[in-house]
Structures are given as structure tokens and as C-alpha cells.
Amino acid sequence: MGVLKGYIEVLIALLLLVCYFVTNKAFQKRVGSDAASSMTYSCTRGFVTALLFFLAYYLINRHTPVITWYSAAMSAGLALFVVGYTLVGFKVMNYGSLSVYTVFLMLGGMILPYLYGVIWLNESVNPFRIAGIVIMIVSMFLPLLEKRGGDTASGNVPKQGKPWLFTVLCLLVFFMNGTVSVISKTHAAGVFSLPSSDSMTFVMLCALFNGILSGIILLGINIRKKLALKKNRTIPGQGVDTASGTVREETGGAAPRAALVRAVAIIVFLAAIFDGASFFFQQLGAAELPASVMYPIQTGGSIVLSALAGFLIFKEKPSKIALIGLCITFASTFLFLIE
């Protein structure tokens, strides 16, 4: 019964995660995906999620959350790696393909916790799951056959002559996202016999530290922006593009700005709910399922369902190679259900 409960919790977490991806996409379409916008989104979402879970905990338990030093340290480390691979993502786009970055991100979140579960937690392994891992890795690399270079659609052409730096950054992303999953599993499964907070409090702490770290980075970006403004000696009505440092005209009146603020506020609020609730159910599922089963299923499921949501909501049509990769990923996910 516990294992079945774990699968249901992972399924709920996956559906909520897809909703979170949809809100991310909606935010990017309205505001942009530069470093300043992403850190503003991350900071605001983090604090809102922390507040919502604090209120939920208080209403359910009638007292404030019980925070232990162990859970606080684990959540701070998890948030540090999350913000870290988010920032590295902006650097990756300067030196190579964003699709390669995404592959390394997903592989890290799948392979490292899988190995952690098998080697450190002595979880069982069978030929079906090994085959599932191999097939899923192959399916993730398929889209790379059709796309070379950087994100030319957005005008982001990679710099030449630094393939070693691109490789190092991708490896960093691989290990950082993998470490996030390992930390999450370690806390949820109670690997160490140390006093820990409950799952709801842990989600609150992770969101809080994510908001704090993102806020610190955002402060640094704004300071850099002000220095750029002074350097360029801009005139009223102009600003600096934080991505390129060039001067741009500011457009739009008070009414469009007010409508944009309302829309963004709704998006951030929904993202905070989806993100926090998804991570909460992941924690519950991680306490019931082996890491060598849960994280490959979570990775494969998120890839397939996110692609489906992109097609249905944003009319994003995958290419033939990408579609083949999605079908293989969907099929390989079921191999992890075989004992």
C-alpha cells in the first residue's frame, strides 16, 4: 500500500510540475528570460511559496513550523544549487546550444540520484531498470541530431573558441541538479538519524532560501545596471538592456503597465502554488519509493507531459526526431515499474 501511495504522490507531483512549467512559459512570454527577469521571478516566487506554506502549516497544526538545524542546512544547500544551475544556464547560452544544457540538466537529475539509491541506499536494481536508464539517455540526446550551435531564433549566437568552457559549464549543471535530487531524497528518506522538520516545513525553508539567494543576486544585477546607466549617460526615457548593456527606448503607458503587473502577479502566485505543492508531493513520494525508481520516472514523465502541455497550450510542434525521442522516453518510463 505504501508503494502504491508513493506512485500516486509522484503522479500528482508530475501534474503539478507541468502546471509550474506552463506558468514559467507564460512569465517568459510576458516579461522575458534574461537574468534580471528570471531572478525577480525566482525571488518573488520563493517568498510567496514560503509564505503560503507557512500559513498552511499554521492553519493545519495551530502552531508555527518546527525548524531544525539539519533541515535548515539541507534546504539552504538545495536552494544554493538550484540558483546556481539557473545562473549557469545564462552562461551556457553564450558558448553553446541551450538544448545541450537541458540534456545535461535532466541527466544529472536522473542519473546521480539513481546511482545514489543503488550504491549508497542499497536499493535493488534489475535489467529492466538498467535498460530504461540507457534508453532514456539515448532518447534525450536525439534532439541534438537536428540542432547545432546556439539559440539562433532568439538571436543568441554562441561565442567561438571556448568549447572547453561550455563542457565545464554543462558538467556543473549536471552535478548541481543531480545534487538537488540527492539532497531532496536524503531529507525525505531520513537517511541520517538527525532531528528533521516535516515535509511541509522543508518545502517552506527551501522556498525561503531560494527567495533570499535570488534576491541577493538580483541586488547585484541592479547595482551593475545602475553602473551601466552612469557609464552610458542615458537620457530620460531610455534604459539599458541588462543582457547586452545597450541603450533602449522604454515604451508603454500606465494602463498597459498596470495590466502587465496584474497578469504577472497572478502568474507568480500560481507558480508559487504549483512549485511548492509539486515539491511537497515529491518529498512524500521520495519517502515511499526508491530513488532508483522515482527520479527516472519523474524525469521521463516531466519530459513527456511538458512537451504535451507545450503542444496543447502554446502550440509548440515537436520535430519528427523530437517526437521519436518523446515516444521512446514514454515507453522507457514503464520499465521502471517492473520489479
Foldseek 3Di string as FASTA:
>chain_A
DLLVLLVVLLVLLLVLVLVLVVLVVVQCVLPNLDLLSVLVLLLLLLLLLLVVLQVVCCVVPVDGFDADPVLLVLLLLLLVLVVVLSVLLLVLLQAWASLLLVLLLLQLLQVLLLCCLCPVVVDDDDPLLVVLNVLLSVLSCLVVVPDTAYDVVVPRGHDPDPVVVSVVSSNSSSNSSNVSNVSLLCLLQVVDVDDHTDLSNSLSSNSNSNSVVSVVVSVVLVVVQVVLCVVVVDDPQWGADSVPSDIDGDDDDPVVVVVSVVVSVVSSNSSSVSVSSSSSSNSSSSNRDGSSQSSLLSSLSNLLSSVVCCCVPVVDDDDPSNVVSNVSSVVSNCSSVPD
